[in-house]
Amino acid sequence: MRKIQLKEHLIITLMNQGNGIALAAFNKLYERLEDDDIVKHTHYIPLLVDVYLSNTELEVWQLAVKHNISESTVYRYRHDFIAWFRHYYRKLNQSNAIRMPTVA
């Protein structure tokens, strides 16, 4: 559990510091999950908000009870959130590097 919290804390820290790429990656993640919630009738957004945007830190069991899902599902979703965030972050970082001219 500690590993996942460290990764989430890094994402939150990047966003709180105003890192433009991190904010854009999170926005893409939010949009993707919002679309999934509409199309697939999932409920990712409330969990995403509790983990990344809420000022309270809930234990896994509390998240599971609050969102009416199992603890293993909470872990799976959190891992998915990190994987998608990393994907968008890398993608945006690469496209940003391509646009930025290099100084010799």
N, C-alpha and C. Protein backbone atom coordinates (compact mmCIF):
# COMPACT_ATOMS: atom_id res chain seq x y z
N MET A 1 0.83 -1.20 0.00
CA MET A 1 0.00 0.00 0.00
C MET A 1 0.86 1.25 0.00
N ARG A 2 1.96 1.22 0.66
CA ARG A 2 2.82 2.41 0.78
C ARG A 2 3.27 2.91 -0.59
N LYS A 3 3.61 1.99 -1.51
CA LYS A 3 4.07 2.38 -2.85
C LYS A 3 3.02 3.21 -3.58
N ILE A 4 1.79 2.75 -3.53
CA ILE A 4 0.73 3.44 -4.24
C ILE A 4 0.50 4.83 -3.65
N GLN A 5 0.59 4.96 -2.35
CA GLN A 5 0.42 6.26 -1.70
C GLN A 5 1.53 7.22 -2.10
N LEU A 6 2.75 6.70 -2.21
CA LEU A 6 3.87 7.56 -2.63
C LEU A 6 3.67 8.08 -4.04
N LYS A 7 3.20 7.21 -4.93
CA LYS A 7 2.94 7.62 -6.31
C LYS A 7 1.82 8.65 -6.37
N GLU A 8 0.77 8.41 -5.60
CA GLU A 8 -0.35 9.36 -5.56
C GLU A 8 0.11 10.70 -4.98
N HIS A 9 0.92 10.64 -3.94
CA HIS A 9 1.43 11.87 -3.33
C HIS A 9 2.27 12.66 -4.32
N LEU A 10 3.07 11.98 -5.12
CA LEU A 10 3.88 12.66 -6.14
C LEU A 10 2.98 13.37 -7.16
N ILE A 11 1.94 12.69 -7.61
CA ILE A 11 1.01 13.30 -8.56
C ILE A 11 0.35 14.53 -7.95
N ILE A 12 -0.13 14.40 -6.72
CA ILE A 12 -0.78 15.52 -6.03
C ILE A 12 0.20 16.68 -5.86
N THR A 13 1.43 16.37 -5.49
CA THR A 13 2.45 17.41 -5.31
C THR A 13 2.72 18.14 -6.61
N LEU A 14 2.88 17.40 -7.70
CA LEU A 14 3.10 18.02 -9.01
C LEU A 14 1.96 18.96 -9.37
N MET A 15 0.74 18.53 -9.11
CA MET A 15 -0.41 19.37 -9.44
C MET A 15 -0.46 20.60 -8.53
N ASN A 16 -0.19 20.41 -7.24
CA ASN A 16 -0.21 21.53 -6.30
C ASN A 16 0.88 22.56 -6.61
N GLN A 17 1.98 22.10 -7.20
CA GLN A 17 3.06 23.01 -7.58
C GLN A 17 2.77 23.72 -8.90
N GLY A 18 1.65 23.39 -9.52
CA GLY A 18 1.27 24.05 -10.76
C GLY A 18 1.98 23.52 -11.99
N ASN A 19 2.50 22.30 -11.91
CA ASN A 19 3.16 21.68 -13.06
C ASN A 19 2.13 21.55 -14.19
N GLY A 20 2.35 22.29 -15.27
CA GLY A 20 1.40 22.33 -16.37
C GLY A 20 1.16 20.99 -17.01
N ILE A 21 2.21 20.21 -17.18
CA ILE A 21 2.06 18.89 -17.81
C ILE A 21 1.26 17.96 -16.89
N ALA A 22 1.54 18.01 -15.59
CA ALA A 22 0.79 17.18 -14.64
C ALA A 22 -0.68 17.57 -14.60
N LEU A 23 -0.95 18.86 -14.63
CA LEU A 23 -2.34 19.33 -14.61
C LEU A 23 -3.07 18.90 -15.89
N ALA A 24 -2.39 19.02 -17.03
CA ALA A 24 -2.99 18.61 -18.30
C ALA A 24 -3.21 17.09 -18.32
N ALA A 25 -2.26 16.33 -17.80
CA ALA A 25 -2.40 14.87 -17.75
C ALA A 25 -3.57 14.48 -16.86
N PHE A 26 -3.72 15.16 -15.72
CA PHE A 26 -4.83 14.86 -14.83
C PHE A 26 -6.15 15.22 -15.48
N ASN A 27 -6.19 16.32 -16.20
CA ASN A 27 -7.42 16.70 -16.91
C ASN A 27 -7.80 15.65 -17.95
N LYS A 28 -6.81 15.14 -18.67
CA LYS A 28 -7.08 14.08 -19.65
C LYS A 28 -7.60 12.82 -18.94
N LEU A 29 -6.97 12.48 -17.82
CA LEU A 29 -7.43 11.33 -17.04
C LEU A 29 -8.87 11.54 -16.59
N TYR A 30 -9.17 12.72 -16.08
CA TYR A 30 -10.52 13.02 -15.61
C TYR A 30 -11.53 12.88 -16.75
N GLU A 31 -11.19 13.45 -17.91
CA GLU A 31 -12.09 13.35 -19.07
C GLU A 31 -12.32 11.90 -19.48
N ARG A 32 -11.24 11.11 -19.49
CA ARG A 32 -11.36 9.71 -19.87
C ARG A 32 -12.27 8.96 -18.91
N LEU A 33 -12.07 9.17 -17.61
CA LEU A 33 -12.88 8.46 -16.62
C LEU A 33 -14.32 8.96 -16.63
N GLU A 34 -14.49 10.24 -16.90
CA GLU A 34 -15.84 10.79 -17.00
C GLU A 34 -16.60 10.13 -18.17
N ASP A 35 -15.90 9.96 -19.29
CA ASP A 35 -16.50 9.26 -20.43
C ASP A 35 -16.83 7.81 -20.08
N ASP A 36 -15.92 7.14 -19.39
CA ASP A 36 -16.19 5.76 -18.96
C ASP A 36 -17.42 5.70 -18.06
N ASP A 37 -17.53 6.66 -17.14
CA ASP A 37 -18.68 6.68 -16.24
C ASP A 37 -19.99 6.80 -17.03
N ILE A 38 -19.96 7.58 -18.10
CA ILE A 38 -21.17 7.77 -18.91
C ILE A 38 -21.44 6.55 -19.79
N VAL A 39 -20.42 6.09 -20.49
CA VAL A 39 -20.62 5.01 -21.46
C VAL A 39 -20.77 3.65 -20.79
N LYS A 40 -19.91 3.36 -19.82
CA LYS A 40 -19.90 2.04 -19.20
C LYS A 40 -20.66 1.98 -17.87
N HIS A 41 -21.19 3.11 -17.43
CA HIS A 41 -21.91 3.20 -16.16
C HIS A 41 -21.02 2.82 -14.97
N THR A 42 -19.76 3.23 -15.05
CA THR A 42 -18.85 3.03 -13.92
C THR A 42 -18.96 4.23 -13.00
N HIS A 43 -18.25 4.19 -11.90
CA HIS A 43 -18.26 5.31 -10.95
C HIS A 43 -16.84 5.63 -10.52
N TYR A 44 -15.99 5.90 -11.52
CA TYR A 44 -14.59 6.22 -11.25
C TYR A 44 -14.40 7.61 -10.66
N ILE A 45 -15.14 8.58 -11.18
CA ILE A 45 -14.90 9.98 -10.81
C ILE A 45 -15.02 10.23 -9.30
N PRO A 46 -16.05 9.73 -8.62
CA PRO A 46 -16.11 9.99 -7.17
C PRO A 46 -14.88 9.45 -6.42
N LEU A 47 -14.38 8.29 -6.83
CA LEU A 47 -13.19 7.74 -6.18
C LEU A 47 -11.96 8.58 -6.53
N LEU A 48 -11.84 8.97 -7.78
CA LEU A 48 -10.72 9.83 -8.21
C LEU A 48 -10.71 11.12 -7.40
N VAL A 49 -11.86 11.72 -7.23
CA VAL A 49 -11.97 12.96 -6.46
C VAL A 49 -11.55 12.73 -5.01
N ASP A 50 -12.01 11.64 -4.40
CA ASP A 50 -11.65 11.36 -3.01
C ASP A 50 -10.15 11.14 -2.84
N VAL A 51 -9.53 10.49 -3.80
CA VAL A 51 -8.10 10.18 -3.68
C VAL A 51 -7.23 11.39 -3.99
N TYR A 52 -7.55 12.14 -5.04
CA TYR A 52 -6.65 13.19 -5.52
C TYR A 52 -7.08 14.62 -5.20
N LEU A 53 -8.35 14.88 -5.06
CA LEU A 53 -8.80 16.26 -4.92
C LEU A 53 -9.37 16.59 -3.54
N SER A 54 -9.66 15.59 -2.77
CA SER A 54 -10.22 15.80 -1.43
C SER A 54 -9.08 16.11 -0.45
N ASN A 55 -9.38 16.89 0.54
CA ASN A 55 -8.38 17.23 1.56
C ASN A 55 -8.32 16.21 2.68
N THR A 56 -9.16 15.20 2.63
CA THR A 56 -9.15 14.18 3.67
C THR A 56 -8.51 12.91 3.13
N GLU A 57 -7.77 12.24 3.96
CA GLU A 57 -7.15 10.97 3.58
C GLU A 57 -7.96 9.83 4.20
N LEU A 58 -8.60 9.07 3.35
CA LEU A 58 -9.40 7.95 3.82
C LEU A 58 -8.62 6.65 3.67
N GLU A 59 -8.82 5.76 4.61
CA GLU A 59 -8.22 4.43 4.52
C GLU A 59 -8.90 3.66 3.39
N VAL A 60 -8.25 2.61 2.94
CA VAL A 60 -8.80 1.82 1.83
C VAL A 60 -10.18 1.27 2.19
N TRP A 61 -10.33 0.77 3.38
CA TRP A 61 -11.64 0.22 3.76
C TRP A 61 -12.71 1.30 3.77
N GLN A 62 -12.33 2.53 4.15
CA GLN A 62 -13.30 3.62 4.16
C GLN A 62 -13.72 4.00 2.74
N LEU A 63 -12.74 4.01 1.83
CA LEU A 63 -13.05 4.26 0.42
C LEU A 63 -13.98 3.18 -0.13
N ALA A 64 -13.68 1.93 0.24
CA ALA A 64 -14.49 0.80 -0.24
C ALA A 64 -15.93 0.93 0.24
N VAL A 65 -16.10 1.24 1.51
CA VAL A 65 -17.46 1.38 2.06
C VAL A 65 -18.16 2.58 1.43
N LYS A 66 -17.47 3.70 1.34
CA LYS A 66 -18.08 4.92 0.80
C LYS A 66 -18.54 4.75 -0.65
N HIS A 67 -17.76 4.00 -1.44
CA HIS A 67 -18.06 3.86 -2.87
C HIS A 67 -18.73 2.53 -3.20
N ASN A 68 -19.02 1.75 -2.15
CA ASN A 68 -19.72 0.47 -2.31
C ASN A 68 -19.00 -0.48 -3.27
N ILE A 69 -17.68 -0.58 -3.07
CA ILE A 69 -16.85 -1.51 -3.85
C ILE A 69 -15.93 -2.24 -2.88
N SER A 70 -15.32 -3.31 -3.34
CA SER A 70 -14.42 -4.06 -2.48
C SER A 70 -13.07 -3.35 -2.36
N GLU A 71 -12.32 -3.72 -1.34
CA GLU A 71 -10.99 -3.13 -1.16
C GLU A 71 -10.08 -3.45 -2.34
N SER A 72 -10.18 -4.66 -2.87
CA SER A 72 -9.34 -5.03 -4.01
C SER A 72 -9.69 -4.18 -5.24
N THR A 73 -10.95 -3.82 -5.38
CA THR A 73 -11.36 -2.96 -6.48
C THR A 73 -10.80 -1.55 -6.29
N VAL A 74 -10.79 -1.07 -5.06
CA VAL A 74 -10.19 0.24 -4.77
C VAL A 74 -8.73 0.24 -5.20
N TYR A 75 -8.00 -0.80 -4.82
CA TYR A 75 -6.59 -0.88 -5.21
C TYR A 75 -6.45 -0.94 -6.74
N ARG A 76 -7.25 -1.76 -7.39
CA ARG A 76 -7.17 -1.90 -8.84
C ARG A 76 -7.44 -0.56 -9.53
N TYR A 77 -8.48 0.13 -9.11
CA TYR A 77 -8.79 1.43 -9.71
C TYR A 77 -7.67 2.43 -9.48
N ARG A 78 -7.11 2.44 -8.28
CA ARG A 78 -6.03 3.39 -7.97
C ARG A 78 -4.80 3.11 -8.83
N HIS A 79 -4.50 1.85 -9.02
CA HIS A 79 -3.40 1.50 -9.92
C HIS A 79 -3.70 1.93 -11.35
N ASP A 80 -4.94 1.74 -11.77
CA ASP A 80 -5.35 2.18 -13.11
C ASP A 80 -5.23 3.69 -13.25
N PHE A 81 -5.65 4.44 -12.23
CA PHE A 81 -5.55 5.90 -12.28
C PHE A 81 -4.09 6.32 -12.48
N ILE A 82 -3.19 5.69 -11.74
CA ILE A 82 -1.76 6.03 -11.84
C ILE A 82 -1.23 5.67 -13.22
N ALA A 83 -1.60 4.50 -13.72
CA ALA A 83 -1.12 4.07 -15.04
C ALA A 83 -1.58 5.03 -16.13
N TRP A 84 -2.85 5.42 -16.10
CA TRP A 84 -3.36 6.35 -17.11
C TRP A 84 -2.73 7.73 -16.96
N PHE A 85 -2.54 8.18 -15.71
CA PHE A 85 -1.89 9.48 -15.50
C PHE A 85 -0.48 9.46 -16.08
N ARG A 86 0.27 8.40 -15.78
CA ARG A 86 1.64 8.29 -16.29
C ARG A 86 1.66 8.27 -17.81
N HIS A 87 0.71 7.56 -18.40
CA HIS A 87 0.62 7.51 -19.87
C HIS A 87 0.42 8.92 -20.44
N TYR A 88 -0.55 9.64 -19.91
CA TYR A 88 -0.83 10.99 -20.41
C TYR A 88 0.33 11.94 -20.11
N TYR A 89 0.95 11.79 -18.94
CA TYR A 89 2.07 12.66 -18.58
C TYR A 89 3.24 12.47 -19.55
N ARG A 90 3.58 11.21 -19.82
CA ARG A 90 4.67 10.93 -20.77
C ARG A 90 4.34 11.45 -22.17
N LYS A 91 3.13 11.19 -22.60
CA LYS A 91 2.69 11.62 -23.93
C LYS A 91 2.76 13.14 -24.06
N LEU A 92 2.25 13.85 -23.08
CA LEU A 92 2.29 15.31 -23.10
C LEU A 92 3.71 15.84 -22.98
N ASN A 93 4.51 15.18 -22.17
CA ASN A 93 5.90 15.59 -21.99
C ASN A 93 6.68 15.44 -23.30
N GLN A 94 6.43 14.34 -24.02
CA GLN A 94 7.11 14.12 -25.30
C GLN A 94 6.66 15.13 -26.34
N SER A 95 5.37 15.39 -26.42
CA SER A 95 4.88 16.35 -27.41
C SER A 95 5.35 17.75 -27.06
N ASN A 96 5.50 18.05 -25.79
CA ASN A 96 6.02 19.36 -25.38
C ASN A 96 7.50 19.49 -25.74
N ALA A 97 8.25 18.39 -25.59
CA ALA A 97 9.68 18.41 -25.91
C ALA A 97 9.89 18.58 -27.42
N ILE A 98 9.00 18.02 -28.20
CA ILE A 98 9.11 18.14 -29.66
C ILE A 98 8.89 19.59 -30.08
N ARG A 99 7.97 20.28 -29.42
CA ARG A 99 7.66 21.66 -29.77
C ARG A 99 8.72 22.65 -29.29
N MET A 100 9.43 22.28 -28.24
CA MET A 100 10.43 23.20 -27.66
C MET A 100 11.74 23.09 -28.46
N PRO A 101 12.22 24.21 -29.00
CA PRO A 101 13.49 24.16 -29.70
C PRO A 101 14.64 23.96 -28.71
N THR A 102 15.64 23.25 -29.14
CA THR A 102 16.79 23.02 -28.28
C THR A 102 17.81 24.14 -28.51
N VAL A 103 18.45 24.50 -27.44
CA VAL A 103 19.47 25.55 -27.50
C VAL A 103 20.83 24.87 -27.52
N ALA A 104 21.64 25.21 -28.50
CA ALA A 104 22.96 24.57 -28.63
C ALA A 104 23.97 25.19 -27.70
